C-alpha atoms as a PDB file:
ATOM      1  CA  UNK A   1     -12.257  -8.127  10.027  1.00  0.00           C
ATOM      2  CA  UNK A   2     -12.273  -5.547  12.812  1.00  0.00           C
ATOM      3  CA  UNK A   3     -10.118  -6.154  15.890  1.00  0.00           C
ATOM      4  CA  UNK A   4     -11.988  -6.442  19.149  1.00  0.00           C
ATOM      5  CA  UNK A   5     -10.248  -5.486  22.341  1.00  0.00           C
ATOM      6  CA  UNK A   6      -6.533  -5.089  22.838  1.00  0.00           C
ATOM      7  CA  UNK A   7      -5.262  -7.967  20.703  1.00  0.00           C
ATOM      8  CA  UNK A   8      -6.104 -10.022  17.641  1.00  0.00           C
ATOM      9  CA  UNK A   9      -4.452 -12.514  15.276  1.00  0.00           C
ATOM     10  CA  UNK A  10      -4.700 -12.044  11.536  1.00  0.00           C
ATOM     11  CA  UNK A  11      -4.408 -14.799   8.941  1.00  0.00           C
ATOM     12  CA  UNK A  12      -2.849 -12.657   6.228  1.00  0.00           C
ATOM     13  CA  UNK A  13      -2.869 -15.288   3.469  1.00  0.00           C
ATOM     14  CA  UNK A  14      -6.589 -15.910   4.014  1.00  0.00           C
ATOM     15  CA  UNK A  15      -7.351 -12.190   3.975  1.00  0.00           C
ATOM     16  CA  UNK A  16      -5.239 -11.660   0.835  1.00  0.00           C
ATOM     17  CA  UNK A  17      -7.050 -14.522  -0.926  1.00  0.00           C
ATOM     18  CA  UNK A  18     -10.316 -12.576  -0.545  1.00  0.00           C
ATOM     19  CA  UNK A  19      -9.165  -9.733  -2.814  1.00  0.00           C
ATOM     20  CA  UNK A  20     -10.824  -9.980  -6.239  1.00  0.00           C
ATOM     21  CA  UNK A  21      -8.804 -10.648  -9.392  1.00  0.00           C
ATOM     22  CA  UNK A  22      -9.555  -7.210 -10.876  1.00  0.00           C
ATOM     23  CA  UNK A  23     -10.313  -3.722  -9.597  1.00  0.00           C
ATOM     24  CA  UNK A  24     -11.253  -0.363 -11.071  1.00  0.00           C
ATOM     25  CA  UNK A  25      -8.849   1.435  -8.717  1.00  0.00           C
ATOM     26  CA  UNK A  26      -5.076   1.022  -8.605  1.00  0.00           C
ATOM     27  CA  UNK A  27      -5.274  -0.663  -5.187  1.00  0.00           C
ATOM     28  CA  UNK A  28      -7.776  -2.338  -2.899  1.00  0.00           C
ATOM     29  CA  UNK A  29      -7.103  -2.435   0.821  1.00  0.00           C
ATOM     30  CA  UNK A  30      -8.516  -3.584   4.102  1.00  0.00           C
ATOM     31  CA  UNK A  31      -7.618  -2.093   7.464  1.00  0.00           C
ATOM     32  CA  UNK A  32      -6.428  -4.605  10.027  1.00  0.00           C
ATOM     33  CA  UNK A  33      -5.982  -1.966  12.734  1.00  0.00           C
ATOM     34  CA  UNK A  34      -6.938   1.681  12.707  1.00  0.00           C
ATOM     35  CA  UNK A  35      -5.677   3.445  15.815  1.00  0.00           C
ATOM     36  CA  UNK A  36      -4.658   7.129  16.008  1.00  0.00           C
ATOM     37  CA  UNK A  37      -0.974   6.257  16.514  1.00  0.00           C
ATOM     38  CA  UNK A  38      -0.786   3.751  13.663  1.00  0.00           C
ATOM     39  CA  UNK A  39      -2.778   1.748  11.179  1.00  0.00           C
ATOM     40  CA  UNK A  40      -2.062  -1.626   9.624  1.00  0.00           C
ATOM     41  CA  UNK A  41      -3.498  -2.547   6.266  1.00  0.00           C
ATOM     42  CA  UNK A  42      -3.325  -5.334   3.761  1.00  0.00           C
ATOM     43  CA  UNK A  43      -3.512  -4.115   0.175  1.00  0.00           C
ATOM     44  CA  UNK A  44      -3.340  -5.539  -3.320  1.00  0.00           C
ATOM     45  CA  UNK A  45      -1.917  -3.533  -6.222  1.00  0.00           C
ATOM     46  CA  UNK A  46      -3.728  -3.970  -9.550  1.00  0.00           C
ATOM     47  CA  UNK A  47      -2.004  -1.361 -11.712  1.00  0.00           C
ATOM     48  CA  UNK A  48       1.305   0.444 -11.586  1.00  0.00           C
ATOM     49  CA  UNK A  49       1.160   3.471  -9.302  1.00  0.00           C
ATOM     50  CA  UNK A  50       2.464   6.848 -10.460  1.00  0.00           C
ATOM     51  CA  UNK A  51       4.689   9.047  -8.269  1.00  0.00           C
ATOM     52  CA  UNK A  52       2.859  10.138  -5.139  1.00  0.00           C
ATOM     53  CA  UNK A  53       3.377  10.767  -1.436  1.00  0.00           C
ATOM     54  CA  UNK A  54       1.507  10.853   1.858  1.00  0.00           C
ATOM     55  CA  UNK A  55       1.386  13.998   4.008  1.00  0.00           C
ATOM     56  CA  UNK A  56       0.528  12.439   7.352  1.00  0.00           C
ATOM     57  CA  UNK A  57       2.526   9.265   7.926  1.00  0.00           C
ATOM     58  CA  UNK A  58       5.662   7.217   7.540  1.00  0.00           C
ATOM     59  CA  UNK A  59       5.025   3.949   5.695  1.00  0.00           C
ATOM     60  CA  UNK A  60       6.405   0.470   6.295  1.00  0.00           C
ATOM     61  CA  UNK A  61       5.685  -2.061   3.521  1.00  0.00           C
ATOM     62  CA  UNK A  62       6.283  -5.798   3.745  1.00  0.00           C
ATOM     63  CA  UNK A  63       5.910  -7.699   0.463  1.00  0.00           C
ATOM     64  CA  UNK A  64       3.723 -10.763   0.935  1.00  0.00           C
ATOM     65  CA  UNK A  65       3.423 -11.770  -2.731  1.00  0.00           C
ATOM     66  CA  UNK A  66       4.257 -10.638  -6.235  1.00  0.00           C
ATOM     67  CA  UNK A  67       7.170  -8.909  -7.885  1.00  0.00           C
ATOM     68  CA  UNK A  68       7.565  -5.495  -9.415  1.00  0.00           C
ATOM     69  CA  UNK A  69       9.626  -2.344  -9.470  1.00  0.00           C
ATOM     70  CA  UNK A  70       9.474   0.337  -6.797  1.00  0.00           C
ATOM     71  CA  UNK A  71      11.296   3.564  -6.185  1.00  0.00           C
ATOM     72  CA  UNK A  72      11.523   5.982  -3.290  1.00  0.00           C
ATOM     73  CA  UNK A  73      12.840   9.540  -3.397  1.00  0.00           C
ATOM     74  CA  UNK A  74      13.544   9.596  -7.134  1.00  0.00           C
ATOM     75  CA  UNK A  75      13.116   7.322 -10.137  1.00  0.00           C
ATOM     76  CA  UNK A  76      16.871   6.636 -10.331  1.00  0.00           C
ATOM     77  CA  UNK A  77      16.450   4.779  -7.000  1.00  0.00           C
ATOM     78  CA  UNK A  78      14.326   2.081  -8.694  1.00  0.00           C
ATOM     79  CA  UNK A  79      14.724  -1.579  -7.880  1.00  0.00           C
ATOM     80  CA  UNK A  80      12.807  -4.836  -7.945  1.00  0.00           C
ATOM     81  CA  UNK A  81      10.860  -6.109  -4.977  1.00  0.00           C
ATOM     82  CA  UNK A  82       9.829  -9.671  -4.169  1.00  0.00           C
ATOM     83  CA  UNK A  83       8.180 -11.570  -1.307  1.00  0.00           C
ATOM     84  CA  UNK A  84      10.018 -11.035   1.957  1.00  0.00           C
ATOM     85  CA  UNK A  85      11.297  -7.559   1.069  1.00  0.00           C
ATOM     86  CA  UNK A  86      10.642  -4.680   3.461  1.00  0.00           C
ATOM     87  CA  UNK A  87      10.366  -1.085   2.256  1.00  0.00           C
ATOM     88  CA  UNK A  88      10.345   1.988   4.488  1.00  0.00           C
ATOM     89  CA  UNK A  89       9.984   5.677   3.751  1.00  0.00           C
ATOM     90  CA  UNK A  90       9.115   8.791   5.709  1.00  0.00           C
ATOM     91  CA  UNK A  91       6.084  10.992   5.111  1.00  0.00           C
ATOM     92  CA  UNK A  92       6.294  13.272   2.082  1.00  0.00           C
ATOM     93  CA  UNK A  93       8.772  10.904   0.360  1.00  0.00           C
ATOM     94  CA  UNK A  94       7.733  10.562  -3.265  1.00  0.00           C
ATOM     95  CA  UNK A  95       7.438   6.912  -4.284  1.00  0.00           C
ATOM     96  CA  UNK A  96       6.007   4.831  -7.132  1.00  0.00           C
ATOM     97  CA  UNK A  97       5.426   1.271  -8.251  1.00  0.00           C
ATOM     98  CA  UNK A  98       5.770   1.638 -12.031  1.00  0.00           C
ATOM     99  CA  UNK A  99       5.678  -2.038 -13.050  1.00  0.00           C
ATOM    100  CA  UNK A 100       4.071  -5.232 -11.828  1.00  0.00           C
ATOM    101  CA  UNK A 101       6.270  -8.107 -13.002  1.00  0.00           C
ATOM    102  CA  UNK A 102       4.375 -10.963 -11.336  1.00  0.00           C
ATOM    103  CA  UNK A 103       1.075 -10.847  -9.499  1.00  0.00           C
ATOM    104  CA  UNK A 104      -0.746 -10.727  -7.344  1.00  0.00           C
ATOM    105  CA  UNK A 105       1.183  -7.973  -5.593  1.00  0.00           C
ATOM    106  CA  UNK A 106       0.113  -7.845  -1.940  1.00  0.00           C
ATOM    107  CA  UNK A 107       1.670  -5.708   0.783  1.00  0.00           C
ATOM    108  CA  UNK A 108       1.270  -5.545   4.534  1.00  0.00           C
ATOM    109  CA  UNK A 109       1.464  -1.842   5.377  1.00  0.00           C
ATOM    110  CA  UNK A 110       1.985  -0.178   8.733  1.00  0.00           C
ATOM    111  CA  UNK A 111       1.456   3.580   8.717  1.00  0.00           C
ATOM    112  CA  UNK A 112       2.555   5.734  11.640  1.00  0.00           C
ATOM    113  CA  UNK A 113       0.627   7.682  12.628  1.00  0.00           C
ATOM    114  CA  UNK A 114      -2.503   6.235  10.974  1.00  0.00           C
ATOM    115  CA  UNK A 115      -3.068   7.107   7.339  1.00  0.00           C
ATOM    116  CA  UNK A 116      -6.452   8.356   6.302  1.00  0.00           C
ATOM    117  CA  UNK A 117      -7.534   6.804   2.973  1.00  0.00           C
ATOM    118  CA  UNK A 118      -7.640  10.243   1.333  1.00  0.00           C
ATOM    119  CA  UNK A 119      -3.993  10.999   2.208  1.00  0.00           C
ATOM    120  CA  UNK A 120      -2.576  10.568  -1.291  1.00  0.00           C
ATOM    121  CA  UNK A 121      -0.936  13.407  -3.198  1.00  0.00           C
ATOM    122  CA  UNK A 122       0.019  12.697  -6.806  1.00  0.00           C
ATOM    123  CA  UNK A 123       3.082  14.565  -8.096  1.00  0.00           C
ATOM    124  CA  UNK A 124       1.120  15.102 -11.315  1.00  0.00           C
ATOM    125  CA  UNK A 125      -2.507  15.756 -10.285  1.00  0.00           C
ATOM    126  CA  UNK A 126      -3.619  14.367 -13.666  1.00  0.00           C
ATOM    127  CA  UNK A 127      -2.449  10.900 -12.511  1.00  0.00           C
ATOM    128  CA  UNK A 128      -5.368  10.405 -10.160  1.00  0.00           C
ATOM    129  CA  UNK A 129      -7.307  11.172  -7.035  1.00  0.00           C
ATOM    130  CA  UNK A 130      -7.803   9.300  -3.773  1.00  0.00           C
ATOM    131  CA  UNK A 131     -10.949   7.763  -5.310  1.00  0.00           C
ATOM    132  CA  UNK A 132      -9.045   6.388  -8.334  1.00  0.00           C
ATOM    133  CA  UNK A 133      -6.076   5.292  -6.208  1.00  0.00           C
ATOM    134  CA  UNK A 134      -7.536   3.071  -3.520  1.00  0.00           C
ATOM    135  CA  UNK A 135     -10.796   1.594  -2.342  1.00  0.00           C
ATOM    136  CA  UNK A 136     -11.507  -0.331   0.845  1.00  0.00           C
ATOM    137  CA  UNK A 137     -12.932  -3.836   0.746  1.00  0.00           C
END
């Protein structure tokens, strides 16, 4: 769904229900908005994500469904997340989602400024590439 004009309403549960049950990448996402100053995306996590960061944006994550573990800054800062939780971290902050405890894990993400899909830097380059990390649906 692409917004038309200066405003739009999104039915997040309906959009999330359209994600398939499996994926070859770690995440699948769909952009809700994609403006230079910020982007909003809905994404589903299919596999634990290794430590990585984003060069270009701060990230705001609202948990819509699922449970897992997530850390920001360093692994010792790990904790569980559940629906209703809100996570925030600045650009270049290393973060990871090592374990999915209950799926599906779906986040609403707001990135400021907008995040290009290729803006993913793995701490260990052997962990993946933008193409293995996320794919748009």
